PDB file of N, CA and C in Angstrom:
ATOM      1  N   MET A   1      29.300 -13.617  16.840  1.00  0.00           N
ATOM      2  CA  MET A   1      28.911 -13.168  15.511  1.00  0.00           C
ATOM      3  C   MET A   1      27.610 -12.368  15.605  1.00  0.00           C
ATOM      4  N   ALA A   2      27.617 -11.192  15.078  1.00  0.00           N
ATOM      5  CA  ALA A   2      26.429 -10.336  15.116  1.00  0.00           C
ATOM      6  C   ALA A   2      25.577 -10.548  13.868  1.00  0.00           C
ATOM      7  N   PHE A   3      24.290 -10.360  14.038  1.00  0.00           N
ATOM      8  CA  PHE A   3      23.390 -10.427  12.898  1.00  0.00           C
ATOM      9  C   PHE A   3      23.535  -9.162  12.068  1.00  0.00           C
ATOM     10  N   ALA A   4      23.236  -9.263  10.778  1.00  0.00           N
ATOM     11  CA  ALA A   4      23.386  -8.112   9.870  1.00  0.00           C
ATOM     12  C   ALA A   4      22.484  -6.954  10.288  1.00  0.00           C
ATOM     13  N   TRP A   5      21.254  -7.261  10.718  1.00  0.00           N
ATOM     14  CA  TRP A   5      20.337  -6.194  11.105  1.00  0.00           C
ATOM     15  C   TRP A   5      20.808  -5.504  12.371  1.00  0.00           C
ATOM     16  N   LYS A   6      21.446  -6.257  13.269  1.00  0.00           N
ATOM     17  CA  LYS A   6      21.980  -5.639  14.490  1.00  0.00           C
ATOM     18  C   LYS A   6      23.173  -4.758  14.159  1.00  0.00           C
ATOM     19  N   ALA A   7      24.023  -5.250  13.267  1.00  0.00           N
ATOM     20  CA  ALA A   7      25.205  -4.486  12.873  1.00  0.00           C
ATOM     21  C   ALA A   7      24.803  -3.199  12.163  1.00  0.00           C
ATOM     22  N   ALA A   8      23.668  -3.231  11.449  1.00  0.00           N
ATOM     23  CA  ALA A   8      23.186  -2.037  10.744  1.00  0.00           C
ATOM     24  C   ALA A   8      22.514  -1.057  11.696  1.00  0.00           C
ATOM     25  N   GLY A   9      22.242  -1.491  12.927  1.00  0.00           N
ATOM     26  CA  GLY A   9      21.643  -0.599  13.921  1.00  0.00           C
ATOM     27  C   GLY A   9      20.139  -0.465  13.803  1.00  0.00           C
ATOM     28  N   ILE A  10      19.455  -1.479  13.260  1.00  0.00           N
ATOM     29  CA  ILE A  10      17.993  -1.434  13.171  1.00  0.00           C
ATOM     30  C   ILE A  10      17.412  -2.554  14.014  1.00  0.00           C
ATOM     31  N   THR A  11      16.137  -2.421  14.325  1.00  0.00           N
ATOM     32  CA  THR A  11      15.472  -3.447  15.113  1.00  0.00           C
ATOM     33  C   THR A  11      15.085  -4.628  14.228  1.00  0.00           C
ATOM     34  N   TYR A  12      14.805  -5.750  14.855  1.00  0.00           N
ATOM     35  CA  TYR A  12      14.403  -6.938  14.103  1.00  0.00           C
ATOM     36  C   TYR A  12      13.089  -6.698  13.377  1.00  0.00           C
ATOM     37  N   ASN A  13      12.151  -5.993  14.011  1.00  0.00           N
ATOM     38  CA  ASN A  13      10.872  -5.699  13.359  1.00  0.00           C
ATOM     39  C   ASN A  13      11.070  -4.837  12.117  1.00  0.00           C
ATOM     40  N   ARG A  14      11.950  -3.856  12.195  1.00  0.00           N
ATOM     41  CA  ARG A  14      12.227  -3.008  11.027  1.00  0.00           C
ATOM     42  C   ARG A  14      12.876  -3.835   9.925  1.00  0.00           C
ATOM     43  N   TYR A  15      13.796  -4.717  10.295  1.00  0.00           N
ATOM     44  CA  TYR A  15      14.447  -5.611   9.339  1.00  0.00           C
ATOM     45  C   TYR A  15      13.406  -6.469   8.623  1.00  0.00           C
ATOM     46  N   LEU A  16      12.458  -7.027   9.369  1.00  0.00           N
ATOM     47  CA  LEU A  16      11.406  -7.841   8.757  1.00  0.00           C
ATOM     48  C   LEU A  16      10.541  -7.018   7.815  1.00  0.00           C
ATOM     49  N   ALA A  17      10.243  -5.792   8.176  1.00  0.00           N
ATOM     50  CA  ALA A  17       9.433  -4.928   7.319  1.00  0.00           C
ATOM     51  C   ALA A  17      10.146  -4.646   5.998  1.00  0.00           C
ATOM     52  N   VAL A  18      11.432  -4.362   6.066  1.00  0.00           N
ATOM     53  CA  VAL A  18      12.208  -4.086   4.852  1.00  0.00           C
ATOM     54  C   VAL A  18      12.299  -5.336   3.981  1.00  0.00           C
ATOM     55  N   ALA A  19      12.561  -6.473   4.602  1.00  0.00           N
ATOM     56  CA  ALA A  19      12.684  -7.722   3.842  1.00  0.00           C
ATOM     57  C   ALA A  19      11.360  -8.117   3.193  1.00  0.00           C
ATOM     58  N   SER A  20      10.259  -7.974   3.913  1.00  0.00           N
ATOM     59  CA  SER A  20       8.963  -8.350   3.349  1.00  0.00           C
ATOM     60  C   SER A  20       8.566  -7.413   2.212  1.00  0.00           C
ATOM     61  N   ARG A  21       8.902  -6.126   2.337  1.00  0.00           N
ATOM     62  CA  ARG A  21       8.611  -5.184   1.255  1.00  0.00           C
ATOM     63  C   ARG A  21       9.411  -5.541   0.002  1.00  0.00           C
ATOM     64  N   ALA A  22      10.674  -5.950   0.179  1.00  0.00           N
ATOM     65  CA  ALA A  22      11.500  -6.341  -0.965  1.00  0.00           C
ATOM     66  C   ALA A  22      10.929  -7.577  -1.653  1.00  0.00           C
ATOM     67  N   VAL A  23      10.456  -8.538  -0.863  1.00  0.00           N
ATOM     68  CA  VAL A  23       9.868  -9.744  -1.445  1.00  0.00           C
ATOM     69  C   VAL A  23       8.582  -9.404  -2.184  1.00  0.00           C
ATOM     70  N   ARG A  24       7.725  -8.570  -1.593  1.00  0.00           N
ATOM     71  CA  ARG A  24       6.465  -8.188  -2.248  1.00  0.00           C
ATOM     72  C   ARG A  24       6.716  -7.488  -3.578  1.00  0.00           C
ATOM     73  N   ARG A  25       7.704  -6.619  -3.607  1.00  0.00           N
ATOM     74  CA  ARG A  25       7.998  -5.878  -4.841  1.00  0.00           C
ATOM     75  C   ARG A  25       8.574  -6.762  -5.937  1.00  0.00           C
ATOM     76  N   SER A  26       9.118  -7.905  -5.572  1.00  0.00           N
ATOM     77  CA  SER A  26       9.710  -8.795  -6.573  1.00  0.00           C
ATOM     78  C   SER A  26       8.681  -9.735  -7.211  1.00  0.00           C
ATOM     79  N   LEU A  27       7.471  -9.770  -6.701  1.00  0.00           N
ATOM     80  CA  LEU A  27       6.438 -10.665  -7.234  1.00  0.00           C
ATOM     81  C   LEU A  27       5.843 -10.120  -8.519  1.00  0.00           C
ATOM     82  N   LYS A  28       5.219 -11.026  -9.280  1.00  0.00           N
ATOM     83  CA  LYS A  28       4.492 -10.596 -10.473  1.00  0.00           C
ATOM     84  C   LYS A  28       3.296  -9.759 -10.048  1.00  0.00           C
ATOM     85  N   GLU A  29       2.772  -8.971 -10.991  1.00  0.00           N
ATOM     86  CA  GLU A  29       1.764  -7.947 -10.697  1.00  0.00           C
ATOM     87  C   GLU A  29       0.562  -8.481  -9.914  1.00  0.00           C
ATOM     88  N   ASP A  30      -0.072  -9.556 -10.357  1.00  0.00           N
ATOM     89  CA  ASP A  30      -1.286 -10.038  -9.688  1.00  0.00           C
ATOM     90  C   ASP A  30      -1.000 -10.534  -8.270  1.00  0.00           C
ATOM     91  N   LYS A  31       0.079 -11.271  -8.115  1.00  0.00           N
ATOM     92  CA  LYS A  31       0.448 -11.775  -6.779  1.00  0.00           C
ATOM     93  C   LYS A  31       0.944 -10.638  -5.885  1.00  0.00           C
ATOM     94  N   ARG A  32       1.611  -9.658  -6.486  1.00  0.00           N
ATOM     95  CA  ARG A  32       2.128  -8.525  -5.717  1.00  0.00           C
ATOM     96  C   ARG A  32       0.996  -7.722  -5.103  1.00  0.00           C
ATOM     97  N   LEU A  33      -0.069  -7.471  -5.862  1.00  0.00           N
ATOM     98  CA  LEU A  33      -1.204  -6.712  -5.338  1.00  0.00           C
ATOM     99  C   LEU A  33      -1.869  -7.439  -4.170  1.00  0.00           C
ATOM    100  N   GLN A  34      -2.014  -8.754  -4.289  1.00  0.00           N
ATOM    101  CA  GLN A  34      -2.600  -9.529  -3.189  1.00  0.00           C
ATOM    102  C   GLN A  34      -1.708  -9.463  -1.949  1.00  0.00           C
ATOM    103  N   ALA A  35      -0.405  -9.599  -2.137  1.00  0.00           N
ATOM    104  CA  ALA A  35       0.527  -9.570  -1.007  1.00  0.00           C
ATOM    105  C   ALA A  35       0.569  -8.193  -0.357  1.00  0.00           C
ATOM    106  N   GLU A  36       0.496  -7.128  -1.159  1.00  0.00           N
ATOM    107  CA  GLU A  36       0.511  -5.781  -0.579  1.00  0.00           C
ATOM    108  C   GLU A  36      -0.730  -5.515   0.260  1.00  0.00           C
ATOM    109  N   ARG A  37      -1.864  -6.037  -0.166  1.00  0.00           N
ATOM    110  CA  ARG A  37      -3.084  -5.864   0.634  1.00  0.00           C
ATOM    111  C   ARG A  37      -2.960  -6.586   1.973  1.00  0.00           C
ATOM    112  N   ARG A  38      -2.334  -7.749   1.975  1.00  0.00           N
ATOM    113  CA  ARG A  38      -2.136  -8.477   3.233  1.00  0.00           C
ATOM    114  C   ARG A  38      -1.179  -7.744   4.150  1.00  0.00           C
ATOM    115  N   GLY A  39      -0.262  -6.963   3.581  1.00  0.00           N
ATOM    116  CA  GLY A  39       0.735  -6.255   4.372  1.00  0.00           C
ATOM    117  C   GLY A  39       0.215  -4.999   5.036  1.00  0.00           C
ATOM    118  N   GLU A  40      -0.960  -4.521   4.626  1.00  0.00           N
ATOM    119  CA  GLU A  40      -1.534  -3.317   5.232  1.00  0.00           C
ATOM    120  C   GLU A  40      -2.139  -3.643   6.588  1.00  0.00           C
ATOM    121  N   MET A  41      -2.025  -2.701   7.500  1.00  0.00           N
ATOM    122  CA  MET A  41      -2.642  -2.906   8.800  1.00  0.00           C
ATOM    123  C   MET A  41      -3.111  -1.575   9.359  1.00  0.00           C
ATOM    124  N   ASP A  42      -4.060  -1.639  10.210  1.00  0.00           N
ATOM    125  CA  ASP A  42      -4.606  -0.450  10.836  1.00  0.00           C
ATOM    126  C   ASP A  42      -4.582  -0.675  12.343  1.00  0.00           C
ATOM    127  N   LEU A  43      -3.612  -0.065  13.012  1.00  0.00           N
ATOM    128  CA  LEU A  43      -3.494  -0.220  14.456  1.00  0.00           C
ATOM    129  C   LEU A  43      -4.273   0.877  15.154  1.00  0.00           C
ATOM    130  N   ARG A  44      -4.945   0.500  16.223  1.00  0.00           N
ATOM    131  CA  ARG A  44      -5.717   1.453  17.005  1.00  0.00           C
ATOM    132  C   ARG A  44      -5.308   1.318  18.474  1.00  0.00           C
ATOM    133  N   PHE A  45      -5.481   2.407  19.213  1.00  0.00           N
ATOM    134  CA  PHE A  45      -5.179   2.382  20.638  1.00  0.00           C
ATOM    135  C   PHE A  45      -6.171   3.267  21.373  1.00  0.00           C
ATOM    136  N   ALA A  46      -6.218   3.082  22.674  1.00  0.00           N
ATOM    137  CA  ALA A  46      -7.082   3.911  23.517  1.00  0.00           C
ATOM    138  C   ALA A  46      -6.366   4.146  24.849  1.00  0.00           C
ATOM    139  N   LYS A  47      -6.462   5.351  25.359  1.00  0.00           N
ATOM    140  CA  LYS A  47      -5.908   5.665  26.682  1.00  0.00           C
ATOM    141  C   LYS A  47      -6.929   5.286  27.745  1.00  0.00           C
ATOM    142  N   TRP A  48      -6.437   4.766  28.843  1.00  0.00           N
ATOM    143  CA  TRP A  48      -7.294   4.428  29.974  1.00  0.00           C
ATOM    144  C   TRP A  48      -7.011   5.418  31.087  1.00  0.00           C
ATOM    145  N   GLU A  49      -8.060   6.025  31.628  1.00  0.00           N
ATOM    146  CA  GLU A  49      -7.925   6.939  32.757  1.00  0.00           C
ATOM    147  C   GLU A  49      -9.016   6.639  33.770  1.00  0.00           C
ATOM    148  N   SER A  50      -8.633   6.534  35.017  1.00  0.00           N
ATOM    149  CA  SER A  50      -9.567   6.268  36.120  1.00  0.00           C
ATOM    150  C   SER A  50     -10.403   5.012  35.861  1.00  0.00           C
ATOM    151  N   GLY A  51      -9.794   4.005  35.286  1.00  0.00           N
ATOM    152  CA  GLY A  51     -10.491   2.746  35.055  1.00  0.00           C
ATOM    153  C   GLY A  51     -11.448   2.741  33.880  1.00  0.00           C
ATOM    154  N   ARG A  52     -11.410   3.777  33.056  1.00  0.00           N
ATOM    155  CA  ARG A  52     -12.311   3.852  31.893  1.00  0.00           C
ATOM    156  C   ARG A  52     -11.505   4.010  30.610  1.00  0.00           C
ATOM    157  N   GLN A  53     -11.988   3.314  29.594  1.00  0.00           N
ATOM    158  CA  GLN A  53     -11.321   3.391  28.303  1.00  0.00           C
ATOM    159  C   GLN A  53     -11.727   4.660  27.572  1.00  0.00           C
ATOM    160  N   GLY A  54     -10.727   5.344  27.031  1.00  0.00           N
ATOM    161  CA  GLY A  54     -10.995   6.542  26.247  1.00  0.00           C
ATOM    162  C   GLY A  54     -11.358   6.194  24.816  1.00  0.00           C
ATOM    163  N   GLU A  55     -11.365   7.190  23.976  1.00  0.00           N
ATOM    164  CA  GLU A  55     -11.740   7.026  22.571  1.00  0.00           C
ATOM    165  C   GLU A  55     -10.666   6.219  21.818  1.00  0.00           C
ATOM    166  N   ASN A  56     -11.099   5.315  20.929  1.00  0.00           N
ATOM    167  CA  ASN A  56     -10.177   4.581  20.076  1.00  0.00           C
ATOM    168  C   ASN A  56      -9.648   5.514  19.004  1.00  0.00           C
ATOM    169  N   LYS A  57      -8.320   5.512  18.814  1.00  0.00           N
ATOM    170  CA  LYS A  57      -7.695   6.370  17.821  1.00  0.00           C
ATOM    171  C   LYS A  57      -6.790   5.543  16.932  1.00  0.00           C
ATOM    172  N   SER A  58      -6.660   5.974  15.693  1.00  0.00           N
ATOM    173  CA  SER A  58      -5.749   5.334  14.751  1.00  0.00           C
ATOM    174  C   SER A  58      -4.320   5.698  15.135  1.00  0.00           C
ATOM    175  N   LEU A  59      -3.438   4.721  15.177  1.00  0.00           N
ATOM    176  CA  LEU A  59      -2.055   4.971  15.539  1.00  0.00           C
ATOM    177  C   LEU A  59      -1.371   5.846  14.492  1.00  0.00           C
ATOM    178  N   ALA A  60      -1.663   5.619  13.212  1.00  0.00           N
ATOM    179  CA  ALA A  60      -1.038   6.403  12.148  1.00  0.00           C
ATOM    180  C   ALA A  60      -1.426   7.872  12.254  1.00  0.00           C
ATOM    181  N   SER A  61      -2.704   8.163  12.463  1.00  0.00           N
ATOM    182  CA  SER A  61      -3.127   9.561  12.554  1.00  0.00           C
ATOM    183  C   SER A  61      -2.602  10.216  13.831  1.00  0.00           C
ATOM    184  N   ALA A  62      -2.517   9.467  14.914  1.00  0.00           N
ATOM    185  CA  ALA A  62      -1.975  10.019  16.160  1.00  0.00           C
ATOM    186  C   ALA A  62      -0.490  10.345  16.001  1.00  0.00           C
ATOM    187  N   ASN A  63       0.258   9.496  15.295  1.00  0.00           N
ATOM    188  CA  ASN A  63       1.673   9.764  15.042  1.00  0.00           C
ATOM    189  C   ASN A  63       1.848  10.997  14.173  1.00  0.00           C
ATOM    190  N   GLU A  64       1.023  11.129  13.132  1.00  0.00           N
ATOM    191  CA  GLU A  64       1.102  12.300  12.261  1.00  0.00           C
ATOM    192  C   GLU A  64       0.801  13.576  13.039  1.00  0.00           C
ATOM    193  N   ALA A  65      -0.204  13.533  13.896  1.00  0.00           N
ATOM    194  CA  ALA A  65      -0.561  14.697  14.685  1.00  0.00           C
ATOM    195  C   ALA A  65       0.566  15.069  15.665  1.00  0.00           C
ATOM    196  N   ALA A  66       1.173  14.070  16.277  1.00  0.00           N
ATOM    197  CA  ALA A  66       2.261  14.330  17.223  1.00  0.00           C
ATOM    198  C   ALA A  66       3.474  14.904  16.506  1.00  0.00           C
ATOM    199  N   MET A  67       3.776  14.405  15.317  1.00  0.00           N
ATOM    200  CA  MET A  67       4.917  14.921  14.548  1.00  0.00           C
ATOM    201  C   MET A  67       4.660  16.356  14.104  1.00  0.00           C
ATOM    202  N   ALA A  68       3.428  16.659  13.690  1.00  0.00           N
ATOM    203  CA  ALA A  68       3.086  18.019  13.278  1.00  0.00           C
ATOM    204  C   ALA A  68       3.180  18.975  14.473  1.00  0.00           C
ATOM    205  N   GLU A  69       2.715  18.524  15.622  1.00  0.00           N
ATOM    206  CA  GLU A  69       2.780  19.349  16.829  1.00  0.00           C
ATOM    207  C   GLU A  69       4.224  19.606  17.240  1.00  0.00           C
ATOM    208  N   ALA A  70       5.063  18.574  17.153  1.00  0.00           N
ATOM    209  CA  ALA A  70       6.465  18.731  17.514  1.00  0.00           C
ATOM    210  C   ALA A  70       7.172  19.660  16.530  1.00  0.00           C
ATOM    211  N   ALA A  71       6.813  19.564  15.257  1.00  0.00           N
ATOM    212  CA  ALA A  71       7.441  20.425  14.249  1.00  0.00           C
ATOM    213  C   ALA A  71       7.039  21.887  14.445  1.00  0.00           C
ATOM    214  N   SER A  72       5.783  22.139  14.739  1.00  0.00           N
ATOM    215  CA  SER A  72       5.334  23.525  14.943  1.00  0.00           C
ATOM    216  C   SER A  72       5.866  24.089  16.257  1.00  0.00           C
ATOM    217  N   GLY A  73       5.985  23.240  17.264  1.00  0.00           N
ATOM    218  CA  GLY A  73       6.506  23.704  18.553  1.00  0.00           C
ATOM    219  C   GLY A  73       7.986  24.008  18.502  1.00  0.00           C
ATOM    220  N   GLY A  74       8.720  23.336  17.638  1.00  0.00           N
ATOM    221  CA  GLY A  74      10.147  23.559  17.514  1.00  0.00           C
ATOM    222  C   GLY A  74      10.504  24.822  16.755  1.00  0.00           C
ATOM    223  N   GLN A  75       9.554  25.395  15.998  1.00  0.00           N
ATOM    224  CA  GLN A  75       9.834  26.572  15.195  1.00  0.00           C
ATOM    225  C   GLN A  75       9.518  27.871  15.916  1.00  0.00           C
ATOM    226  N   GLN A  76       8.972  27.814  17.103  1.00  0.00           N
ATOM    227  CA  GLN A  76       8.602  29.032  17.830  1.00  0.00           C
ATOM    228  C   GLN A  76       9.788  29.680  18.469  1.00  0.00           C
TER     229      GLN A  76
END
């Protein structure tokens, strides 16, 4: 027997994100705002080269920059 999220072709993490968003949206206004704030996150990463840590970067901004670069490179 396959799980519904597997049958839909999504990862378990994506399934959890969708389910948690649905639960947050179903809450009353005051509780919903508190839950949405808890759901926010800011991931950061750094590249290591030659044994040294590089600059810390926001994952969201790095993804946006990579998508913009890929979009502009594909139109040439």
